[in-house]
N, C-alpha and C. Protein backbone atom coordinates (compact mmCIF):
# COMPACT_ATOMS: atom_id res chain seq x y z
N HIS A 1 -34.68 -100.53 -211.66
CA HIS A 1 -34.32 -101.82 -211.13
C HIS A 1 -33.55 -101.92 -209.70
N SER A 2 -32.74 -100.60 -209.82
CA SER A 2 -31.92 -100.01 -208.63
C SER A 2 -32.57 -100.38 -207.67
N ALA A 3 -34.16 -99.38 -208.05
CA ALA A 3 -34.89 -98.70 -207.13
C ALA A 3 -35.43 -100.09 -206.06
N GLY A 4 -35.74 -101.54 -206.85
CA GLY A 4 -36.18 -102.33 -206.55
C GLY A 4 -35.42 -103.36 -205.77
N LEU A 5 -34.22 -103.19 -206.06
CA LEU A 5 -33.02 -103.89 -205.00
C LEU A 5 -32.57 -103.25 -203.80
N ILE A 6 -32.51 -101.79 -204.10
CA ILE A 6 -32.87 -101.32 -202.56
C ILE A 6 -33.90 -101.19 -202.01
N LEU A 7 -35.16 -101.43 -202.45
CA LEU A 7 -36.27 -101.69 -201.35
C LEU A 7 -36.32 -103.04 -200.85
N SER A 8 -35.98 -103.93 -201.33
CA SER A 8 -36.04 -104.88 -201.34
C SER A 8 -34.81 -105.41 -200.06
N SER A 9 -33.74 -104.76 -200.05
CA SER A 9 -32.55 -104.68 -198.83
C SER A 9 -33.11 -104.35 -197.82
N GLY A 10 -33.91 -103.21 -198.19
CA GLY A 10 -34.31 -102.23 -196.60
C GLY A 10 -35.64 -103.23 -196.18
N LEU A 11 -36.33 -103.83 -197.14
CA LEU A 11 -37.27 -104.91 -196.24
C LEU A 11 -36.61 -106.03 -195.26
N TRP A 12 -35.35 -106.74 -195.89
CA TRP A 12 -34.91 -107.73 -195.34
C TRP A 12 -34.07 -106.75 -194.01
N ALA A 13 -33.58 -105.94 -193.99
CA ALA A 13 -33.02 -104.97 -192.94
C ALA A 13 -33.99 -104.84 -191.78
N LEU A 14 -34.79 -104.11 -192.15
CA LEU A 14 -36.21 -104.41 -191.50
C LEU A 14 -36.53 -105.61 -190.54
N LEU A 15 -36.61 -106.61 -191.55
CA LEU A 15 -37.00 -108.12 -190.98
C LEU A 15 -35.89 -108.21 -189.79
N ALA A 16 -34.75 -107.85 -190.35
CA ALA A 16 -33.33 -108.27 -189.19
C ALA A 16 -33.48 -107.55 -188.10
N TRP A 17 -33.68 -106.22 -188.28
CA TRP A 17 -33.75 -105.27 -187.11
C TRP A 17 -34.71 -105.66 -186.15
N THR A 18 -36.08 -105.93 -186.54
CA THR A 18 -37.33 -106.21 -185.61
C THR A 18 -37.29 -107.72 -185.26
N GLN A 19 -37.02 -108.56 -186.05
CA GLN A 19 -37.21 -109.96 -185.35
C GLN A 19 -35.80 -110.68 -184.67
N LEU A 20 -34.64 -109.82 -185.34
CA LEU A 20 -33.56 -110.67 -184.82
C LEU A 20 -33.69 -110.73 -182.75
N PRO A 21 -33.86 -109.74 -182.18
CA PRO A 21 -33.72 -110.09 -180.65
C PRO A 21 -34.65 -110.77 -180.02
N ALA A 22 -36.17 -110.77 -180.69
CA ALA A 22 -36.93 -111.64 -180.01
C ALA A 22 -37.55 -113.07 -180.43
N GLU A 23 -36.65 -113.53 -181.88
CA GLU A 23 -36.93 -114.61 -181.83
C GLU A 23 -35.92 -115.46 -181.00
N THR A 24 -36.52 -116.97 -181.66
CA THR A 24 -35.40 -118.17 -181.08
C THR A 24 -34.29 -117.79 -181.46
N VAL A 25 -33.44 -118.66 -181.13
CA VAL A 25 -31.82 -118.91 -181.63
C VAL A 25 -31.88 -119.10 -183.04
N GLN A 26 -32.54 -120.42 -183.46
CA GLN A 26 -32.74 -120.88 -184.61
C GLN A 26 -33.22 -120.09 -185.37
N THR A 27 -34.26 -119.25 -185.37
CA THR A 27 -34.75 -118.22 -186.09
C THR A 27 -33.52 -117.05 -186.55
N GLN A 28 -32.98 -116.62 -185.26
CA GLN A 28 -32.35 -116.11 -185.55
C GLN A 28 -30.83 -115.98 -186.48
N PHE A 29 -30.38 -117.43 -186.36
CA PHE A 29 -29.54 -117.98 -187.10
C PHE A 29 -30.35 -118.19 -188.30
N PHE A 30 -30.94 -118.45 -188.84
CA PHE A 30 -31.91 -118.58 -190.16
C PHE A 30 -31.74 -117.10 -190.86
N ILE A 31 -31.98 -115.92 -190.16
CA ILE A 31 -32.38 -114.87 -190.72
C ILE A 31 -30.89 -114.13 -190.97
N ILE A 32 -29.77 -114.65 -190.19
CA ILE A 32 -28.15 -114.18 -190.47
C ILE A 32 -27.78 -115.32 -191.64
N ILE A 33 -27.96 -116.00 -191.47
CA ILE A 33 -27.73 -117.17 -192.67
C ILE A 33 -28.36 -116.37 -194.29
N VAL A 34 -29.43 -116.24 -194.07
CA VAL A 34 -30.13 -115.87 -195.50
C VAL A 34 -29.81 -114.31 -195.92
N VAL A 35 -29.72 -113.56 -194.92
CA VAL A 35 -29.34 -112.25 -195.03
C VAL A 35 -27.65 -112.47 -195.89
N SER A 36 -26.96 -112.95 -195.03
CA SER A 36 -25.41 -113.38 -195.30
C SER A 36 -25.36 -113.51 -196.95
N ALA A 37 -26.06 -115.00 -197.01
CA ALA A 37 -25.97 -115.45 -198.71
C ALA A 37 -26.61 -114.62 -199.49
N LEU A 38 -27.60 -113.70 -199.81
CA LEU A 38 -28.15 -112.87 -200.12
C LEU A 38 -26.98 -111.55 -200.27
N ALA A 39 -26.37 -111.22 -199.42
CA ALA A 39 -25.47 -110.20 -199.66
C ALA A 39 -24.42 -110.56 -200.63
N ALA A 40 -23.68 -112.13 -200.13
CA ALA A 40 -22.68 -112.80 -200.65
C ALA A 40 -22.74 -112.87 -202.30
N GLY A 41 -23.89 -113.28 -202.49
CA GLY A 41 -24.48 -113.60 -203.92
C GLY A 41 -24.40 -111.94 -204.62
N ALA A 42 -24.75 -111.16 -204.22
CA ALA A 42 -24.99 -109.63 -204.71
C ALA A 42 -23.27 -109.45 -205.20
N THR A 43 -22.53 -110.16 -204.49
CA THR A 43 -21.07 -109.25 -205.05
C THR A 43 -20.56 -109.40 -206.17
N GLY A 44 -21.30 -110.52 -206.69
CA GLY A 44 -21.04 -111.10 -208.00
C GLY A 44 -22.10 -110.48 -208.75
N ILE A 45 -23.48 -110.93 -208.93
CA ILE A 45 -24.67 -110.79 -209.54
C ILE A 45 -24.67 -108.90 -209.51
N LEU A 46 -24.68 -108.28 -208.67
CA LEU A 46 -24.78 -106.60 -208.40
C LEU A 46 -23.20 -106.00 -208.97
N ALA A 47 -22.42 -107.20 -209.59
CA ALA A 47 -21.27 -106.48 -209.96
C ALA A 47 -21.18 -105.09 -210.91
N PRO A 48 -22.31 -105.40 -212.02
CA PRO A 48 -22.33 -104.42 -213.11
C PRO A 48 -22.56 -102.79 -212.17
N LEU A 49 -23.30 -103.13 -211.23
CA LEU A 49 -24.16 -102.21 -210.55
C LEU A 49 -23.31 -101.68 -209.18
N LYS A 50 -22.15 -100.50 -209.79
CA LYS A 50 -21.27 -100.24 -208.40
C LYS A 50 -21.96 -99.51 -207.37
N ILE A 51 -22.48 -98.46 -207.29
CA ILE A 51 -23.37 -98.26 -206.39
C ILE A 51 -24.38 -98.81 -205.56
N THR A 52 -25.19 -99.29 -206.53
CA THR A 52 -26.65 -100.21 -206.10
C THR A 52 -25.86 -101.52 -205.28
N GLY A 53 -25.00 -102.39 -205.67
CA GLY A 53 -24.37 -103.27 -205.22
C GLY A 53 -23.65 -103.06 -203.88
N ARG A 54 -23.36 -101.75 -203.59
CA ARG A 54 -22.37 -101.87 -202.42
C ARG A 54 -23.54 -101.49 -201.29
N VAL A 55 -24.38 -100.36 -201.88
CA VAL A 55 -25.77 -100.26 -200.89
C VAL A 55 -26.58 -101.35 -200.55
N TYR A 56 -26.90 -102.03 -201.58
CA TYR A 56 -27.70 -103.53 -201.23
C TYR A 56 -26.91 -104.48 -199.79
N ILE A 57 -25.34 -104.15 -200.18
CA ILE A 57 -25.00 -105.47 -199.27
C ILE A 57 -24.90 -104.33 -198.04
N ALA A 58 -24.49 -103.32 -197.90
CA ALA A 58 -24.84 -102.83 -196.59
C ALA A 58 -25.66 -102.91 -195.81
N LEU A 59 -26.53 -102.48 -196.93
CA LEU A 59 -28.31 -102.50 -196.06
C LEU A 59 -28.69 -104.02 -195.79
N MET A 60 -27.78 -104.75 -196.30
CA MET A 60 -28.60 -106.37 -196.09
C MET A 60 -27.87 -106.71 -194.64
N LEU A 61 -26.53 -106.25 -194.22
CA LEU A 61 -25.68 -106.75 -193.48
C LEU A 61 -25.18 -105.72 -192.08
N ALA A 62 -25.52 -104.38 -192.74
CA ALA A 62 -25.23 -103.63 -191.54
C ALA A 62 -25.98 -103.83 -190.19
N PRO A 63 -27.66 -102.96 -190.94
CA PRO A 63 -28.66 -103.50 -189.96
C PRO A 63 -28.69 -104.47 -188.42
N ALA A 64 -28.45 -105.74 -189.21
CA ALA A 64 -28.53 -106.83 -188.87
C ALA A 64 -27.35 -106.68 -187.72
N SER A 65 -26.08 -106.54 -187.71
CA SER A 65 -24.84 -106.88 -187.49
C SER A 65 -25.12 -105.46 -186.07
N LEU A 66 -25.41 -104.29 -186.10
CA LEU A 66 -25.69 -103.43 -185.63
C LEU A 66 -26.41 -103.92 -184.19
N ARG A 67 -27.70 -104.38 -184.72
CA ARG A 67 -28.75 -105.07 -183.62
C ARG A 67 -28.18 -106.23 -182.88
N LEU A 68 -27.22 -106.60 -183.48
CA LEU A 68 -26.73 -108.18 -182.85
C LEU A 68 -25.79 -107.45 -181.96
N MET A 69 -25.01 -106.21 -181.94
CA MET A 69 -23.91 -105.36 -181.32
C MET A 69 -25.04 -104.78 -180.19
N VAL A 70 -26.55 -104.58 -180.38
CA VAL A 70 -26.65 -103.79 -179.19
C VAL A 70 -27.41 -104.68 -178.36
N ASP A 71 -28.65 -105.80 -179.23
CA ASP A 71 -29.12 -106.47 -178.29
C ASP A 71 -28.83 -107.93 -178.04
N GLY A 72 -28.04 -108.17 -178.58
CA GLY A 72 -27.51 -109.50 -178.76
C GLY A 72 -26.24 -110.32 -178.15
N ASP A 73 -25.43 -110.63 -179.43
CA ASP A 73 -24.40 -111.14 -179.20
C ASP A 73 -23.55 -109.70 -179.65
N PRO A 74 -22.55 -109.14 -178.78
CA PRO A 74 -21.30 -108.10 -179.63
C PRO A 74 -20.38 -108.68 -180.31
N ALA A 75 -19.79 -110.28 -180.04
CA ALA A 75 -19.00 -110.46 -181.19
C ALA A 75 -19.50 -110.65 -182.32
N LEU A 76 -20.47 -111.47 -182.38
CA LEU A 76 -21.21 -111.87 -183.13
C LEU A 76 -21.67 -110.27 -184.47
N GLY A 77 -21.84 -109.85 -183.73
CA GLY A 77 -22.58 -107.96 -184.71
C GLY A 77 -20.98 -107.70 -185.27
N VAL A 78 -20.05 -107.83 -184.18
CA VAL A 78 -18.76 -107.10 -185.04
C VAL A 78 -18.13 -107.88 -186.42
N LEU A 79 -18.61 -109.72 -186.10
CA LEU A 79 -18.21 -110.30 -187.04
C LEU A 79 -19.13 -110.14 -188.29
N GLY A 80 -20.35 -109.51 -188.05
CA GLY A 80 -21.30 -109.35 -188.84
C GLY A 80 -20.26 -107.76 -189.70
N LEU A 81 -20.45 -106.88 -189.24
CA LEU A 81 -19.81 -105.95 -189.67
C LEU A 81 -18.21 -106.52 -190.38
N VAL A 82 -17.70 -107.05 -189.82
CA VAL A 82 -16.30 -107.61 -190.60
C VAL A 82 -16.85 -108.23 -192.05
N PHE A 83 -17.77 -109.13 -192.30
CA PHE A 83 -17.87 -109.30 -193.10
C PHE A 83 -18.71 -108.76 -194.14
N CYS A 84 -19.49 -107.68 -193.63
CA CYS A 84 -20.18 -106.88 -194.45
C CYS A 84 -19.02 -105.69 -195.12
N GLY A 85 -17.83 -105.24 -194.27
CA GLY A 85 -16.97 -104.97 -195.18
C GLY A 85 -16.20 -105.69 -196.12
N VAL A 86 -15.44 -106.96 -196.20
CA VAL A 86 -15.12 -108.10 -197.02
C VAL A 86 -16.46 -108.71 -198.28
N MET A 87 -17.40 -108.21 -197.60
CA MET A 87 -18.27 -108.24 -198.96
C MET A 87 -18.69 -107.11 -199.82
N ILE A 88 -18.39 -106.26 -199.26
CA ILE A 88 -18.30 -104.47 -200.03
C ILE A 88 -17.09 -104.50 -200.72
N ALA A 89 -16.01 -105.06 -200.49
CA ALA A 89 -14.15 -105.34 -200.89
C ALA A 89 -14.65 -106.08 -202.19
N SER A 90 -15.44 -107.32 -201.59
CA SER A 90 -15.15 -108.31 -202.81
C SER A 90 -16.14 -107.92 -204.20
N HIS A 91 -17.30 -107.16 -203.79
CA HIS A 91 -18.09 -106.10 -204.60
C HIS A 91 -17.52 -105.39 -205.34
N ARG A 92 -16.25 -104.76 -204.84
CA ARG A 92 -15.53 -103.78 -205.29
C ARG A 92 -14.55 -104.27 -206.52
N ASN A 93 -14.37 -105.19 -206.04
CA ASN A 93 -12.97 -106.15 -206.80
C ASN A 93 -13.97 -107.29 -208.30
N SER A 94 -14.99 -107.67 -207.87
CA SER A 94 -16.06 -108.00 -209.11
C SER A 94 -16.32 -106.90 -210.00
N HIS A 95 -16.23 -105.60 -209.69
CA HIS A 95 -17.07 -104.66 -210.69
C HIS A 95 -15.61 -104.23 -211.10
N ALA A 96 -14.63 -103.81 -210.48
CA ALA A 96 -13.12 -103.88 -211.52
C ALA A 96 -12.96 -104.86 -212.31
N LEU A 97 -12.98 -106.16 -211.70
CA LEU A 97 -12.67 -106.99 -212.94
C LEU A 97 -13.49 -107.22 -213.87
N LEU A 98 -14.84 -106.87 -213.74
CA LEU A 98 -15.70 -106.53 -214.90
C LEU A 98 -15.68 -105.82 -215.63
N LEU A 99 -15.06 -104.62 -215.41
CA LEU A 99 -14.70 -103.66 -216.60
C LEU A 99 -13.46 -103.77 -216.65
N ARG A 100 -12.60 -104.21 -216.37
CA ARG A 100 -11.39 -104.94 -217.14
C ARG A 100 -11.83 -106.10 -218.02
N SER A 101 -12.45 -107.12 -218.13
CA SER A 101 -12.85 -107.83 -218.94
C SER A 101 -13.60 -107.05 -220.30
N ILE A 102 -14.27 -106.10 -219.70
CA ILE A 102 -15.23 -105.13 -220.77
C ILE A 102 -14.10 -104.60 -221.91
N ALA A 103 -13.26 -103.84 -221.06
CA ALA A 103 -11.87 -103.01 -221.50
C ALA A 103 -10.76 -103.91 -222.55
N LEU A 104 -10.75 -105.42 -222.14
CA LEU A 104 -9.89 -105.97 -222.90
C LEU A 104 -10.59 -106.75 -224.01
N GLY A 105 -11.83 -106.96 -223.86
CA GLY A 105 -13.04 -107.11 -225.26
C GLY A 105 -12.83 -106.54 -225.87
N ARG A 106 -13.03 -105.27 -225.62
CA ARG A 106 -12.88 -104.13 -226.97
C ARG A 106 -11.30 -104.24 -227.42
N GLU A 107 -10.29 -104.26 -226.55
CA GLU A 107 -8.99 -104.31 -227.39
C GLU A 107 -8.69 -105.57 -228.27
N ASN A 108 -9.26 -106.51 -228.16
CA ASN A 108 -8.77 -107.88 -228.40
C ASN A 108 -8.98 -108.06 -229.99
N PRO A 109 -10.16 -107.44 -230.52
CA PRO A 109 -10.16 -107.09 -232.02
C PRO A 109 -9.08 -106.55 -232.84
N GLY A 110 -8.51 -105.50 -232.04
CA GLY A 110 -7.08 -104.60 -232.63
C GLY A 110 -5.98 -105.64 -232.59
N LEU A 111 -6.17 -106.23 -231.44
CA LEU A 111 -4.77 -106.92 -231.41
C LEU A 111 -4.60 -108.32 -232.17
N VAL A 112 -6.08 -108.81 -232.33
CA VAL A 112 -5.95 -109.95 -233.40
C VAL A 112 -5.78 -109.29 -235.08
N SER A 113 -6.19 -108.38 -235.18
CA SER A 113 -5.79 -107.86 -236.82
C SER A 113 -4.36 -107.27 -236.63
N GLU A 114 -4.02 -106.98 -235.79
CA GLU A 114 -2.19 -106.56 -235.81
C GLU A 114 -2.00 -107.97 -235.51
N LEU A 115 -1.98 -109.14 -234.79
CA LEU A 115 -1.54 -109.73 -235.08
C LEU A 115 -1.95 -110.88 -236.49
N ARG A 116 -2.71 -110.78 -237.06
CA ARG A 116 -3.07 -111.45 -238.34
C ARG A 116 -2.11 -110.62 -239.34
N ALA A 117 -2.01 -109.38 -239.41
CA ALA A 117 -0.98 -108.50 -240.42
C ALA A 117 0.49 -109.38 -240.24
N ARG A 118 0.82 -109.07 -238.90
CA ARG A 118 1.93 -109.85 -238.71
C ARG A 118 2.58 -111.49 -238.80
N ASN A 119 1.50 -111.95 -238.92
CA ASN A 119 1.81 -112.96 -239.34
C ASN A 119 1.90 -113.25 -240.92
N ASP A 120 1.15 -112.22 -241.66
CA ASP A 120 0.86 -112.54 -242.83
C ASP A 120 2.24 -111.87 -243.32
N GLU A 121 2.76 -110.75 -242.86
CA GLU A 121 4.41 -110.21 -243.41
C GLU A 121 5.07 -111.44 -242.96
N ILE A 122 5.20 -112.30 -242.05
CA ILE A 122 6.24 -113.50 -241.70
C ILE A 122 6.01 -114.50 -242.93
N GLU A 123 4.77 -114.60 -243.11
CA GLU A 123 4.45 -115.90 -244.22
C GLU A 123 5.20 -115.01 -245.41
N GLN A 124 5.23 -113.97 -245.89
CA GLN A 124 5.69 -113.36 -247.10
C GLN A 124 7.22 -113.46 -247.16
N ILE A 125 7.84 -113.22 -245.82
CA ILE A 125 9.07 -113.25 -246.03
C ILE A 125 9.44 -114.60 -245.73
N ASN A 126 8.98 -115.63 -245.59
CA ASN A 126 9.14 -116.99 -245.75
C ASN A 126 9.18 -117.55 -247.16
N GLN A 127 8.01 -116.94 -248.14
CA GLN A 127 7.97 -117.24 -249.20
C GLN A 127 9.19 -116.72 -250.10
N SER A 128 9.89 -115.51 -249.64
CA SER A 128 10.73 -114.75 -250.19
C SER A 128 11.80 -115.81 -249.97
N LEU A 129 12.06 -116.02 -248.53
CA LEU A 129 13.27 -116.88 -248.39
C LEU A 129 13.12 -118.23 -249.17
N GLU A 130 12.18 -118.71 -249.16
CA GLU A 130 12.29 -120.14 -249.74
C GLU A 130 12.62 -120.00 -251.37
N GLN A 131 11.97 -119.09 -251.96
CA GLN A 131 12.25 -118.96 -253.26
C GLN A 131 14.10 -118.67 -253.24
N ARG A 132 14.31 -117.76 -252.70
CA ARG A 132 15.69 -117.62 -252.38
C ARG A 132 16.77 -118.95 -252.60
N VAL A 133 16.06 -119.70 -251.29
CA VAL A 133 17.03 -120.63 -251.44
C VAL A 133 16.98 -121.77 -252.72
N ALA A 134 15.52 -121.72 -253.18
CA ALA A 134 15.62 -122.95 -254.23
C ALA A 134 16.31 -122.18 -255.51
N ASP A 135 16.56 -120.55 -255.64
CA ASP A 135 17.20 -120.12 -256.83
C ASP A 135 18.50 -120.38 -256.49
N ARG A 136 19.51 -120.44 -255.46
CA ARG A 136 20.50 -120.47 -255.03
C ARG A 136 20.86 -121.90 -255.07
N THR A 137 19.93 -122.94 -254.80
CA THR A 137 20.24 -124.57 -254.92
C THR A 137 20.24 -124.70 -256.40
N ARG A 138 19.41 -124.27 -257.42
CA ARG A 138 19.16 -124.19 -258.45
C ARG A 138 20.99 -123.94 -259.52
N ALA A 139 21.24 -122.76 -259.03
CA ALA A 139 22.43 -122.38 -259.25
C ALA A 139 23.80 -123.49 -258.88
N LEU A 140 23.57 -123.79 -257.55
CA LEU A 140 24.55 -124.87 -257.16
C LEU A 140 24.58 -125.79 -258.21
N GLU A 141 23.48 -126.27 -258.23
CA GLU A 141 23.81 -127.88 -259.63
C GLU A 141 23.32 -127.53 -260.38
N LEU A 142 23.35 -126.68 -260.88
CA LEU A 142 24.43 -126.11 -262.07
C LEU A 142 25.54 -126.15 -262.60
N LEU A 143 26.43 -125.53 -261.38
CA LEU A 143 27.70 -125.52 -261.30
C LEU A 143 28.16 -126.85 -260.76
N ALA A 144 27.61 -127.69 -260.18
CA ALA A 144 27.94 -129.40 -259.85
C ALA A 144 27.81 -130.17 -261.04
N VAL A 145 27.06 -129.66 -262.30
CA VAL A 145 26.74 -130.93 -263.15
C VAL A 145 27.36 -130.10 -264.24
N ARG A 146 28.41 -128.70 -264.24
CA ARG A 146 28.78 -128.88 -265.57
C ARG A 146 30.17 -129.60 -265.88
N PRO A 147 30.45 -129.87 -266.89
CA PRO A 147 31.95 -130.82 -267.15
C PRO A 147 32.81 -129.95 -266.46
N ARG A 148 33.91 -130.70 -266.42
CA ARG A 148 35.27 -130.38 -265.21
C ARG A 148 36.16 -129.25 -266.53
N ARG A 149 35.96 -129.91 -267.79
CA ARG A 149 36.87 -128.53 -268.57
C ARG A 149 35.93 -127.25 -268.57
N GLU A 150 35.13 -127.11 -268.44
CA GLU A 150 33.95 -125.79 -268.70
C GLU A 150 34.26 -125.30 -267.32
N ALA A 151 34.46 -126.25 -266.19
CA ALA A 151 34.86 -125.31 -264.86
C ALA A 151 36.11 -124.64 -264.46
N GLY A 152 37.01 -125.27 -265.49
CA GLY A 152 38.26 -124.69 -265.70
C GLY A 152 39.46 -124.71 -264.18
N PRO A 153 40.62 -124.34 -264.14
CA PRO A 153 41.10 -124.73 -263.22
C PRO A 153 40.52 -124.26 -261.64
N ASN A 154 39.97 -123.13 -261.37
CA ASN A 154 39.51 -122.15 -260.27
C ASN A 154 38.83 -123.48 -259.63
N ARG A 155 38.00 -124.24 -260.15
CA ARG A 155 37.07 -125.38 -259.70
C ARG A 155 38.19 -126.57 -258.99
N ASN A 156 39.08 -126.88 -259.41
CA ASN A 156 39.93 -127.80 -258.88
C ASN A 156 40.32 -126.95 -257.87
N SER A 157 41.22 -125.77 -257.95
CA SER A 157 41.99 -125.10 -256.87
C SER A 157 40.97 -125.19 -256.02
N PHE A 158 39.59 -124.52 -255.98
CA PHE A 158 38.78 -124.65 -254.74
C PHE A 158 38.58 -125.89 -253.84
N ARG A 159 38.51 -127.05 -254.73
CA ARG A 159 38.25 -128.21 -253.67
C ARG A 159 39.46 -128.16 -252.87
N ARG A 160 40.68 -128.01 -253.50
CA ARG A 160 41.70 -128.53 -253.05
C ARG A 160 41.75 -128.06 -251.47
N SER A 161 41.00 -126.31 -251.98
CA SER A 161 41.87 -125.34 -250.81
C SER A 161 40.48 -125.84 -249.58
N ALA A 162 39.53 -125.97 -250.23
CA ALA A 162 38.40 -126.40 -249.17
C ALA A 162 38.62 -127.79 -248.49
N THR A 163 39.43 -128.78 -249.34
CA THR A 163 39.62 -129.76 -248.53
C THR A 163 40.90 -129.85 -247.54
N ARG A 164 41.59 -128.81 -247.72
CA ARG A 164 42.43 -128.65 -246.86
C ARG A 164 42.61 -127.99 -245.92
N SER A 165 41.29 -126.96 -245.86
CA SER A 165 40.57 -126.11 -244.43
C SER A 165 39.97 -127.08 -243.70
N ALA A 166 39.28 -127.98 -244.15
CA ALA A 166 38.13 -128.97 -243.49
C ALA A 166 39.25 -129.55 -242.85
N LEU A 167 40.52 -130.51 -243.41
CA LEU A 167 41.07 -131.16 -242.36
C LEU A 167 41.72 -130.19 -241.43
N ARG A 168 42.40 -129.05 -241.93
CA ARG A 168 42.87 -128.62 -240.72
C ARG A 168 41.94 -128.12 -239.71
N SER A 169 40.83 -127.79 -239.78
CA SER A 169 39.84 -127.34 -238.57
C SER A 169 39.21 -128.51 -238.10
N THR A 170 39.48 -129.93 -238.43
CA THR A 170 39.00 -131.14 -237.87
C THR A 170 40.44 -131.46 -236.90
N ALA A 171 41.28 -130.94 -237.48
CA ALA A 171 42.59 -131.50 -236.90
C ALA A 171 43.23 -130.74 -235.47
N CYS A 172 42.82 -129.43 -235.86
CA CYS A 172 42.67 -128.69 -234.37
C CYS A 172 41.80 -129.31 -233.34
N TRP A 173 40.37 -129.86 -233.41
CA TRP A 173 39.84 -130.00 -232.72
C TRP A 173 39.39 -131.71 -232.42
N ALA A 174 39.71 -132.37 -233.13
CA ALA A 174 39.70 -133.49 -233.14
C ALA A 174 41.02 -134.66 -232.68
N TRP A 175 42.44 -133.99 -233.25
CA TRP A 175 43.39 -135.18 -232.63
C TRP A 175 44.19 -134.20 -231.82
N PRO A 176 44.82 -134.78 -230.70
CA PRO A 176 45.67 -133.77 -230.25
C PRO A 176 47.04 -133.69 -231.06
N ARG A 177 47.86 -132.99 -230.90
CA ARG A 177 49.23 -132.36 -231.17
C ARG A 177 50.15 -133.29 -230.53
């Protein structure tokens, strides 16, 4: 697989090296565009192949750029070398992104199971809390339903105390003195 890619890029490099100075301007631009497009496409498609992808891109662009610098337009040749560097850097970034995505894909099942365990724990805590609230509500309802004589003086004393406390706290902030 890698050998075929390197061979094909070598053939494109040979075409660019032999045909760029001798052909018409339209043919030169056609070769430059095709070689550039193949190299740009390789940045993503060959991301799994770290070394092969970089060699492919360099073989596609460097010979054509050097040939332009020697026998053609030096400025276009320099731009071709800069483009070659940018494409190799883009391939490096695509390769790193691919590796990071694979690593995250392997981590995600562990994170998902950890999240499920925490959700189950929270659900159990919520159920326990709901049960405690229901128990306390029942106890308060029983106290409220008991006849007064069973409640005794403590109940009336508690009501008076709570009413006074509520009025005092309301008076502090609701009415100026």
